[in-house]
Amino acid sequence: MLLSLVLAAATPAAAQDFQSTQVLDTIVGQFTGKPLGAQGGARTPIDKRLKLQPCAAPQLEWRSEAKDAVVVRCMAPAWRIFVPVDAVPTPKVAPVAAQMPAAVRPAPVIRRGDPITVEAGAPGFSISREGVAMGDAAPGARLMVKVDDKKPPIQAVALEAGRARLP
């Protein structure tokens, strides 16, 4: 019986050796502006089994811009805990597509059946060959050119009307 009285008397003193989790729950609620369990407030109470050193001035801040957790921090003694929050869902804003002008296809400078000159070369020399365009092409576009009836067509890049070069 004497042992139970000693234990009962020692319990409140031992409880004061650690930071009260109820006090932390209260200040988290004040920080979020929402009660425990409400949307925007702490999901659950802080675990009462935590044995944190007493803190005279706990500091609170959001963990991230998502506001999905509160960081409770004590500088002396140094400890911190993360309290999960039922984050308020933010409506997703649909990205606004920039008004793009309709794709303008450049006018072809070479038309199918046009006679063209196909050029190839490097610094110091150039070679050219006559051929017939097998399709339409705008400047910079590729087209097939028939240069010999006995050989397959070659591919060229349109430069201007009547002129193309090898790619």
N, C-alpha and C. Protein backbone atom coordinates (compact mmCIF):
# COMPACT_ATOMS: atom_id res chain seq x y z
N MET A 1 0.83 -1.18 0.00
CA MET A 1 0.00 0.00 0.00
C MET A 1 0.88 1.26 0.00
N LEU A 2 1.94 1.21 0.72
CA LEU A 2 2.86 2.34 0.77
C LEU A 2 3.50 2.57 -0.60
N LEU A 3 3.79 1.46 -1.30
CA LEU A 3 4.38 1.54 -2.64
C LEU A 3 3.44 2.25 -3.61
N SER A 4 2.13 1.93 -3.55
CA SER A 4 1.18 2.57 -4.46
C SER A 4 1.05 4.06 -4.18
N LEU A 5 1.15 4.47 -2.90
CA LEU A 5 1.10 5.90 -2.58
C LEU A 5 2.33 6.63 -3.12
N VAL A 6 3.47 5.99 -3.03
CA VAL A 6 4.70 6.60 -3.54
C VAL A 6 4.62 6.75 -5.06
N LEU A 7 4.11 5.71 -5.74
CA LEU A 7 3.98 5.77 -7.20
C LEU A 7 2.97 6.84 -7.61
N ALA A 8 1.86 6.93 -6.89
CA ALA A 8 0.83 7.92 -7.22
C ALA A 8 1.37 9.33 -7.02
N ALA A 9 2.15 9.53 -5.99
CA ALA A 9 2.71 10.86 -5.73
C ALA A 9 3.81 11.19 -6.73
N ALA A 10 4.51 10.20 -7.23
CA ALA A 10 5.62 10.44 -8.16
C ALA A 10 5.13 10.70 -9.58
N THR A 11 3.96 10.23 -9.94
CA THR A 11 3.46 10.34 -11.31
C THR A 11 3.31 11.80 -11.76
N PRO A 12 2.66 12.70 -11.01
CA PRO A 12 2.56 14.08 -11.49
C PRO A 12 3.91 14.75 -11.63
N ALA A 13 4.83 14.46 -10.76
CA ALA A 13 6.16 15.06 -10.86
C ALA A 13 6.88 14.55 -12.09
N ALA A 14 6.72 13.26 -12.39
CA ALA A 14 7.36 12.69 -13.57
C ALA A 14 6.75 13.27 -14.84
N ALA A 15 5.44 13.54 -14.80
CA ALA A 15 4.78 14.08 -15.99
C ALA A 15 5.32 15.47 -16.31
N GLN A 16 5.74 16.23 -15.33
CA GLN A 16 6.27 17.56 -15.55
C GLN A 16 7.68 17.54 -16.13
N ASP A 17 8.32 16.38 -16.12
CA ASP A 17 9.67 16.28 -16.67
C ASP A 17 9.67 16.29 -18.19
N PHE A 18 8.48 16.12 -18.80
CA PHE A 18 8.37 16.04 -20.25
C PHE A 18 7.39 17.09 -20.76
N GLN A 19 7.53 17.45 -22.03
CA GLN A 19 6.64 18.42 -22.67
C GLN A 19 5.25 17.82 -22.79
N SER A 20 4.24 18.59 -22.44
CA SER A 20 2.85 18.14 -22.54
C SER A 20 2.43 18.08 -24.01
N THR A 21 1.98 16.91 -24.44
CA THR A 21 1.52 16.78 -25.83
C THR A 21 0.18 17.47 -26.01
N GLN A 22 -0.61 17.61 -24.93
CA GLN A 22 -1.88 18.32 -25.03
C GLN A 22 -1.63 19.80 -25.32
N VAL A 23 -0.62 20.36 -24.70
CA VAL A 23 -0.27 21.76 -24.97
C VAL A 23 0.16 21.91 -26.43
N LEU A 24 0.96 20.95 -26.92
CA LEU A 24 1.40 21.00 -28.32
C LEU A 24 0.21 20.88 -29.26
N ASP A 25 -0.77 20.00 -28.94
CA ASP A 25 -1.98 19.88 -29.76
C ASP A 25 -2.72 21.22 -29.81
N THR A 26 -2.79 21.90 -28.68
CA THR A 26 -3.49 23.19 -28.61
C THR A 26 -2.80 24.24 -29.47
N ILE A 27 -1.47 24.33 -29.37
CA ILE A 27 -0.79 25.36 -30.16
C ILE A 27 -0.78 25.03 -31.65
N VAL A 28 -0.80 23.73 -32.00
CA VAL A 28 -0.91 23.36 -33.43
C VAL A 28 -2.28 23.79 -33.94
N GLY A 29 -3.33 23.58 -33.13
CA GLY A 29 -4.68 24.01 -33.51
C GLY A 29 -4.76 25.52 -33.69
N GLN A 30 -4.09 26.27 -32.82
CA GLN A 30 -4.07 27.73 -32.95
C GLN A 30 -3.29 28.15 -34.19
N PHE A 31 -2.21 27.44 -34.47
CA PHE A 31 -1.39 27.77 -35.64
C PHE A 31 -2.16 27.53 -36.94
N THR A 32 -2.85 26.37 -37.05
CA THR A 32 -3.58 26.05 -38.28
C THR A 32 -4.90 26.78 -38.36
N GLY A 33 -5.45 27.17 -37.20
CA GLY A 33 -6.74 27.84 -37.19
C GLY A 33 -7.89 26.86 -37.31
N LYS A 34 -7.61 25.58 -37.25
CA LYS A 34 -8.64 24.54 -37.37
C LYS A 34 -8.49 23.56 -36.22
N PRO A 35 -9.61 23.00 -35.74
CA PRO A 35 -9.51 22.04 -34.64
C PRO A 35 -8.96 20.69 -35.11
N LEU A 36 -8.58 19.90 -34.13
CA LEU A 36 -8.05 18.56 -34.36
C LEU A 36 -9.05 17.73 -35.16
N GLY A 37 -8.62 17.08 -36.23
CA GLY A 37 -9.47 16.21 -37.03
C GLY A 37 -10.24 16.92 -38.12
N ALA A 38 -10.29 18.24 -38.10
CA ALA A 38 -11.01 18.99 -39.14
C ALA A 38 -10.09 19.19 -40.34
N GLN A 39 -10.72 19.42 -41.48
CA GLN A 39 -9.92 19.68 -42.68
C GLN A 39 -9.15 20.97 -42.47
N GLY A 40 -7.82 20.90 -42.65
CA GLY A 40 -6.96 22.04 -42.39
C GLY A 40 -6.34 21.99 -41.01
N GLY A 41 -6.80 21.06 -40.16
CA GLY A 41 -6.25 20.90 -38.82
C GLY A 41 -5.45 19.61 -38.73
N ALA A 42 -4.85 19.37 -37.56
CA ALA A 42 -4.05 18.16 -37.35
C ALA A 42 -4.93 16.92 -37.54
N ARG A 43 -4.38 15.89 -38.17
CA ARG A 43 -5.15 14.66 -38.40
C ARG A 43 -5.49 13.94 -37.11
N THR A 44 -4.49 13.80 -36.26
CA THR A 44 -4.65 13.07 -35.00
C THR A 44 -3.90 13.81 -33.91
N PRO A 45 -4.23 13.50 -32.64
CA PRO A 45 -3.45 14.13 -31.57
C PRO A 45 -2.01 13.64 -31.60
N ILE A 46 -1.11 14.45 -31.07
CA ILE A 46 0.29 14.06 -30.97
C ILE A 46 0.38 12.88 -30.01
N ASP A 47 1.19 11.91 -30.35
CA ASP A 47 1.32 10.68 -29.56
C ASP A 47 1.76 11.01 -28.13
N LYS A 48 0.92 10.59 -27.17
CA LYS A 48 1.19 10.88 -25.76
C LYS A 48 2.40 10.12 -25.23
N ARG A 49 2.86 9.12 -25.95
CA ARG A 49 4.02 8.34 -25.51
C ARG A 49 5.34 9.07 -25.77
N LEU A 50 5.29 10.16 -26.53
CA LEU A 50 6.52 10.92 -26.79
C LEU A 50 7.04 11.52 -25.50
N LYS A 51 8.29 11.37 -25.27
CA LYS A 51 8.94 11.92 -24.07
C LYS A 51 9.88 13.04 -24.51
N LEU A 52 9.30 14.20 -24.77
CA LEU A 52 10.07 15.35 -25.24
C LEU A 52 10.49 16.20 -24.04
N GLN A 53 11.67 16.74 -24.10
CA GLN A 53 12.15 17.64 -23.05
C GLN A 53 11.24 18.87 -23.03
N PRO A 54 10.97 19.43 -21.86
CA PRO A 54 10.11 20.62 -21.79
C PRO A 54 10.71 21.77 -22.61
N CYS A 55 9.82 22.50 -23.27
CA CYS A 55 10.26 23.61 -24.12
C CYS A 55 9.49 24.86 -23.69
N ALA A 56 10.21 25.91 -23.42
CA ALA A 56 9.58 27.16 -22.98
C ALA A 56 8.86 27.87 -24.13
N ALA A 57 9.41 27.78 -25.34
CA ALA A 57 8.82 28.51 -26.48
C ALA A 57 8.91 27.67 -27.75
N PRO A 58 7.96 26.73 -27.95
CA PRO A 58 7.99 25.95 -29.19
C PRO A 58 7.73 26.86 -30.40
N GLN A 59 8.42 26.58 -31.49
CA GLN A 59 8.24 27.34 -32.73
C GLN A 59 7.49 26.45 -33.72
N LEU A 60 6.56 27.05 -34.46
CA LEU A 60 5.77 26.29 -35.43
C LEU A 60 5.93 26.91 -36.81
N GLU A 61 5.95 26.05 -37.81
CA GLU A 61 6.01 26.50 -39.21
C GLU A 61 5.45 25.41 -40.10
N TRP A 62 5.02 25.78 -41.29
CA TRP A 62 4.56 24.79 -42.26
C TRP A 62 5.76 24.05 -42.82
N ARG A 63 5.60 22.75 -43.04
CA ARG A 63 6.68 21.95 -43.61
C ARG A 63 6.96 22.34 -45.05
N SER A 64 5.89 22.64 -45.81
CA SER A 64 6.05 23.01 -47.22
C SER A 64 4.91 23.92 -47.63
N GLU A 65 4.96 24.36 -48.88
CA GLU A 65 3.88 25.20 -49.42
C GLU A 65 2.56 24.44 -49.50
N ALA A 66 2.62 23.11 -49.53
CA ALA A 66 1.40 22.30 -49.61
C ALA A 66 0.61 22.35 -48.31
N LYS A 67 1.23 22.81 -47.24
CA LYS A 67 0.60 22.90 -45.92
C LYS A 67 0.00 21.56 -45.51
N ASP A 68 0.80 20.51 -45.65
CA ASP A 68 0.35 19.17 -45.30
C ASP A 68 0.91 18.68 -43.97
N ALA A 69 1.76 19.48 -43.34
CA ALA A 69 2.31 19.13 -42.03
C ALA A 69 2.85 20.39 -41.36
N VAL A 70 2.75 20.39 -40.02
CA VAL A 70 3.30 21.47 -39.22
C VAL A 70 4.56 20.95 -38.54
N VAL A 71 5.62 21.73 -38.57
CA VAL A 71 6.84 21.37 -37.87
C VAL A 71 6.82 22.11 -36.54
N VAL A 72 6.85 21.34 -35.44
CA VAL A 72 6.94 21.92 -34.10
C VAL A 72 8.39 21.73 -33.68
N ARG A 73 9.06 22.84 -33.38
CA ARG A 73 10.50 22.80 -33.12
C ARG A 73 10.81 23.50 -31.80
N CYS A 74 11.77 22.93 -31.08
CA CYS A 74 12.27 23.55 -29.86
C CYS A 74 13.77 23.74 -30.05
N MET A 75 14.24 24.94 -29.79
CA MET A 75 15.66 25.23 -29.98
C MET A 75 16.50 24.75 -28.81
N ALA A 76 15.98 24.91 -27.57
CA ALA A 76 16.75 24.45 -26.41
C ALA A 76 15.78 23.84 -25.42
N PRO A 77 15.79 22.58 -25.21
CA PRO A 77 16.63 21.55 -25.82
C PRO A 77 16.21 21.32 -27.27
N ALA A 78 17.12 20.85 -28.07
CA ALA A 78 16.87 20.72 -29.51
C ALA A 78 16.05 19.46 -29.81
N TRP A 79 14.83 19.67 -30.29
CA TRP A 79 14.00 18.59 -30.80
C TRP A 79 13.00 19.18 -31.78
N ARG A 80 12.44 18.32 -32.62
CA ARG A 80 11.37 18.75 -33.53
C ARG A 80 10.50 17.55 -33.86
N ILE A 81 9.24 17.83 -34.11
CA ILE A 81 8.31 16.79 -34.53
C ILE A 81 7.49 17.33 -35.70
N PHE A 82 6.98 16.42 -36.50
CA PHE A 82 6.14 16.77 -37.64
C PHE A 82 4.72 16.32 -37.33
N VAL A 83 3.78 17.22 -37.42
CA VAL A 83 2.38 16.91 -37.14
C VAL A 83 1.63 16.93 -38.47
N PRO A 84 1.13 15.76 -38.94
CA PRO A 84 0.41 15.74 -40.22
C PRO A 84 -0.90 16.51 -40.14
N VAL A 85 -1.22 17.19 -41.22
CA VAL A 85 -2.42 18.03 -41.30
C VAL A 85 -3.26 17.54 -42.47
N ASP A 86 -4.59 17.54 -42.27
CA ASP A 86 -5.49 17.25 -43.39
C ASP A 86 -5.52 18.50 -44.25
N ALA A 87 -4.68 18.52 -45.27
CA ALA A 87 -4.52 19.70 -46.11
C ALA A 87 -5.81 20.02 -46.84
N VAL A 88 -6.09 21.30 -46.94
CA VAL A 88 -7.26 21.76 -47.68
C VAL A 88 -6.94 21.61 -49.16
N PRO A 89 -7.76 20.85 -49.89
CA PRO A 89 -7.45 20.69 -51.32
C PRO A 89 -7.60 22.01 -52.05
N THR A 90 -6.63 22.29 -52.87
CA THR A 90 -6.69 23.51 -53.67
C THR A 90 -7.18 23.12 -55.06
N PRO A 91 -8.10 23.89 -55.60
CA PRO A 91 -8.59 23.55 -56.93
C PRO A 91 -7.47 23.68 -57.95
N LYS A 92 -7.37 22.68 -58.77
CA LYS A 92 -6.33 22.70 -59.80
C LYS A 92 -6.80 23.60 -60.93
N VAL A 93 -5.97 24.54 -61.24
CA VAL A 93 -6.28 25.48 -62.31
C VAL A 93 -5.78 24.87 -63.61
N ALA A 94 -6.68 24.77 -64.55
CA ALA A 94 -6.30 24.22 -65.85
C ALA A 94 -5.36 25.20 -66.53
N PRO A 95 -4.27 24.70 -67.06
CA PRO A 95 -3.35 25.61 -67.74
C PRO A 95 -4.03 26.23 -68.95
N VAL A 96 -3.82 27.49 -69.10
CA VAL A 96 -4.41 28.20 -70.23
C VAL A 96 -3.46 28.06 -71.41
N ALA A 97 -3.99 27.50 -72.45
CA ALA A 97 -3.17 27.33 -73.65
C ALA A 97 -3.02 28.68 -74.33
N ALA A 98 -1.82 29.01 -74.65
CA ALA A 98 -1.56 30.26 -75.35
C ALA A 98 -2.19 30.19 -76.73
N GLN A 99 -2.75 31.28 -77.14
CA GLN A 99 -3.36 31.32 -78.45
C GLN A 99 -2.27 31.25 -79.50
N MET A 100 -2.21 30.13 -80.15
CA MET A 100 -1.22 29.92 -81.19
C MET A 100 -1.87 30.23 -82.53
N PRO A 101 -1.19 30.97 -83.34
CA PRO A 101 -1.76 31.20 -84.67
C PRO A 101 -1.79 29.87 -85.42
N ALA A 102 -2.74 29.78 -86.30
CA ALA A 102 -2.85 28.56 -87.09
C ALA A 102 -1.54 28.34 -87.83
N ALA A 103 -1.15 27.09 -87.88
CA ALA A 103 0.11 26.76 -88.55
C ALA A 103 0.03 27.20 -90.01
N VAL A 104 0.96 28.03 -90.37
CA VAL A 104 1.00 28.54 -91.73
C VAL A 104 2.03 27.73 -92.49
N ARG A 105 1.57 27.06 -93.49
CA ARG A 105 2.49 26.29 -94.31
C ARG A 105 3.07 27.22 -95.37
N PRO A 106 4.38 27.26 -95.45
CA PRO A 106 4.97 28.12 -96.48
C PRO A 106 4.58 27.61 -97.87
N ALA A 107 4.44 28.54 -98.76
CA ALA A 107 4.07 28.17 -100.13
C ALA A 107 5.22 27.40 -100.78
N PRO A 108 4.90 26.37 -101.52
CA PRO A 108 5.96 25.60 -102.18
C PRO A 108 6.67 26.45 -103.23
N VAL A 109 7.99 26.33 -103.28
CA VAL A 109 8.77 27.02 -104.31
C VAL A 109 9.08 26.07 -105.45
N ILE A 110 8.94 24.78 -105.18
CA ILE A 110 9.15 23.76 -106.21
C ILE A 110 7.87 22.94 -106.28
N ARG A 111 7.38 22.73 -107.50
CA ARG A 111 6.17 21.93 -107.72
C ARG A 111 6.53 20.65 -108.45
N ARG A 112 5.66 19.66 -108.30
CA ARG A 112 5.88 18.38 -108.97
C ARG A 112 5.97 18.60 -110.47
N GLY A 113 6.99 17.98 -111.07
CA GLY A 113 7.21 18.09 -112.52
C GLY A 113 8.10 19.25 -112.93
N ASP A 114 8.43 20.16 -112.00
CA ASP A 114 9.31 21.28 -112.33
C ASP A 114 10.72 20.78 -112.62
N PRO A 115 11.38 21.37 -113.63
CA PRO A 115 12.80 21.05 -113.82
C PRO A 115 13.60 21.82 -112.76
N ILE A 116 14.53 21.14 -112.11
CA ILE A 116 15.34 21.79 -111.07
C ILE A 116 16.80 21.41 -111.21
N THR A 117 17.65 22.22 -110.58
CA THR A 117 19.08 21.94 -110.54
C THR A 117 19.41 21.50 -109.11
N VAL A 118 20.01 20.32 -109.00
CA VAL A 118 20.40 19.80 -107.69
C VAL A 118 21.90 20.06 -107.55
N GLU A 119 22.28 20.69 -106.43
CA GLU A 119 23.68 21.05 -106.22
C GLU A 119 24.24 20.27 -105.03
N ALA A 120 25.54 20.00 -105.12
CA ALA A 120 26.28 19.41 -104.01
C ALA A 120 27.66 20.01 -104.05
N GLY A 121 28.29 20.13 -102.90
CA GLY A 121 29.63 20.70 -102.92
C GLY A 121 30.18 20.93 -101.55
N ALA A 122 31.40 21.43 -101.56
CA ALA A 122 32.14 21.77 -100.35
C ALA A 122 33.01 22.96 -100.70
N PRO A 123 33.70 23.54 -99.73
CA PRO A 123 34.56 24.67 -100.07
C PRO A 123 35.58 24.28 -101.14
N GLY A 124 35.58 25.00 -102.24
CA GLY A 124 36.54 24.74 -103.30
C GLY A 124 35.98 24.04 -104.51
N PHE A 125 34.83 23.36 -104.40
CA PHE A 125 34.25 22.72 -105.58
C PHE A 125 32.74 22.62 -105.42
N SER A 126 32.06 22.46 -106.57
CA SER A 126 30.62 22.23 -106.56
C SER A 126 30.23 21.41 -107.78
N ILE A 127 29.20 20.62 -107.60
CA ILE A 127 28.68 19.76 -108.66
C ILE A 127 27.20 20.05 -108.76
N SER A 128 26.68 20.07 -109.98
CA SER A 128 25.24 20.26 -110.15
C SER A 128 24.73 19.26 -111.17
N ARG A 129 23.46 18.97 -111.05
CA ARG A 129 22.84 17.98 -111.94
C ARG A 129 21.40 18.41 -112.17
N GLU A 130 20.93 18.23 -113.37
CA GLU A 130 19.54 18.57 -113.70
C GLU A 130 18.65 17.40 -113.31
N GLY A 131 17.42 17.71 -112.89
CA GLY A 131 16.47 16.67 -112.53
C GLY A 131 15.05 17.21 -112.59
N VAL A 132 14.10 16.33 -112.25
CA VAL A 132 12.68 16.69 -112.27
C VAL A 132 12.12 16.42 -110.86
N ALA A 133 11.42 17.42 -110.31
CA ALA A 133 10.84 17.28 -108.98
C ALA A 133 9.71 16.26 -109.01
N MET A 134 9.70 15.37 -108.01
CA MET A 134 8.65 14.36 -107.93
C MET A 134 7.56 14.76 -106.93
N GLY A 135 7.67 15.96 -106.35
CA GLY A 135 6.66 16.43 -105.40
C GLY A 135 6.86 17.90 -105.12
N ASP A 136 5.90 18.50 -104.40
CA ASP A 136 5.98 19.91 -104.03
C ASP A 136 6.87 20.07 -102.80
N ALA A 137 7.56 21.22 -102.70
CA ALA A 137 8.40 21.48 -101.53
C ALA A 137 8.53 22.97 -101.28
N ALA A 138 8.41 23.35 -100.01
CA ALA A 138 8.64 24.72 -99.58
C ALA A 138 10.13 24.88 -99.30
N PRO A 139 10.64 26.10 -99.14
CA PRO A 139 12.06 26.27 -98.83
C PRO A 139 12.43 25.51 -97.55
N GLY A 140 13.51 24.72 -97.60
CA GLY A 140 13.96 23.93 -96.46
C GLY A 140 13.33 22.56 -96.37
N ALA A 141 12.30 22.30 -97.15
CA ALA A 141 11.64 20.99 -97.11
C ALA A 141 12.34 20.01 -98.04
N ARG A 142 12.20 18.75 -97.71
CA ARG A 142 12.82 17.71 -98.54
C ARG A 142 11.86 17.26 -99.64
N LEU A 143 12.46 16.84 -100.75
CA LEU A 143 11.68 16.32 -101.86
C LEU A 143 12.51 15.29 -102.61
N MET A 144 11.84 14.46 -103.36
CA MET A 144 12.52 13.46 -104.19
C MET A 144 12.68 14.04 -105.59
N VAL A 145 13.86 13.78 -106.18
CA VAL A 145 14.19 14.32 -107.50
C VAL A 145 14.63 13.17 -108.39
N LYS A 146 14.05 13.10 -109.57
CA LYS A 146 14.43 12.08 -110.56
C LYS A 146 15.52 12.70 -111.44
N VAL A 147 16.75 12.12 -111.37
CA VAL A 147 17.86 12.65 -112.16
C VAL A 147 18.21 11.73 -113.33
N ASP A 148 17.81 10.47 -113.27
CA ASP A 148 18.13 9.51 -114.32
C ASP A 148 17.00 8.50 -114.36
N ASP A 149 16.51 8.21 -115.59
CA ASP A 149 15.40 7.26 -115.72
C ASP A 149 15.79 5.85 -115.27
N LYS A 150 17.07 5.51 -115.33
CA LYS A 150 17.51 4.16 -115.02
C LYS A 150 17.87 3.98 -113.54
N LYS A 151 17.95 5.07 -112.77
CA LYS A 151 18.35 5.00 -111.36
C LYS A 151 17.21 5.50 -110.47
N PRO A 152 17.23 5.07 -109.20
CA PRO A 152 16.18 5.55 -108.29
C PRO A 152 16.33 7.05 -108.02
N PRO A 153 15.23 7.71 -107.60
CA PRO A 153 15.30 9.15 -107.33
C PRO A 153 16.18 9.43 -106.10
N ILE A 154 16.67 10.66 -106.04
CA ILE A 154 17.50 11.09 -104.91
C ILE A 154 16.70 12.08 -104.07
N GLN A 155 17.14 12.25 -102.84
CA GLN A 155 16.47 13.19 -101.95
C GLN A 155 17.26 14.50 -101.95
N ALA A 156 16.52 15.62 -101.97
CA ALA A 156 17.16 16.94 -101.97
C ALA A 156 16.36 17.87 -101.07
N VAL A 157 16.97 19.01 -100.74
CA VAL A 157 16.33 20.03 -99.91
C VAL A 157 16.09 21.24 -100.79
N ALA A 158 14.83 21.70 -100.83
CA ALA A 158 14.47 22.85 -101.66
C ALA A 158 15.11 24.12 -101.12
N LEU A 159 15.71 24.91 -102.02
CA LEU A 159 16.32 26.18 -101.64
C LEU A 159 15.45 27.34 -102.14
N GLU A 160 15.17 27.33 -103.41
CA GLU A 160 14.35 28.37 -104.04
C GLU A 160 13.77 27.76 -105.30
N ALA A 161 12.98 28.54 -106.03
CA ALA A 161 12.35 28.01 -107.24
C ALA A 161 13.42 27.51 -108.21
N GLY A 162 13.31 26.23 -108.60
CA GLY A 162 14.22 25.64 -109.57
C GLY A 162 15.57 25.23 -109.01
N ARG A 163 15.79 25.33 -107.69
CA ARG A 163 17.09 25.00 -107.11
C ARG A 163 16.94 24.21 -105.82
N ALA A 164 17.76 23.14 -105.70
CA ALA A 164 17.77 22.31 -104.49
C ALA A 164 19.20 21.86 -104.24
N ARG A 165 19.48 21.37 -103.04
CA ARG A 165 20.81 20.86 -102.72
C ARG A 165 20.66 19.50 -102.06
N LEU A 166 21.75 18.73 -102.09
CA LEU A 166 21.74 17.44 -101.41
C LEU A 166 21.79 17.69 -99.90
N PRO A 167 21.10 16.87 -99.11
CA PRO A 167 21.09 17.08 -97.65
C PRO A 167 22.43 16.77 -97.02
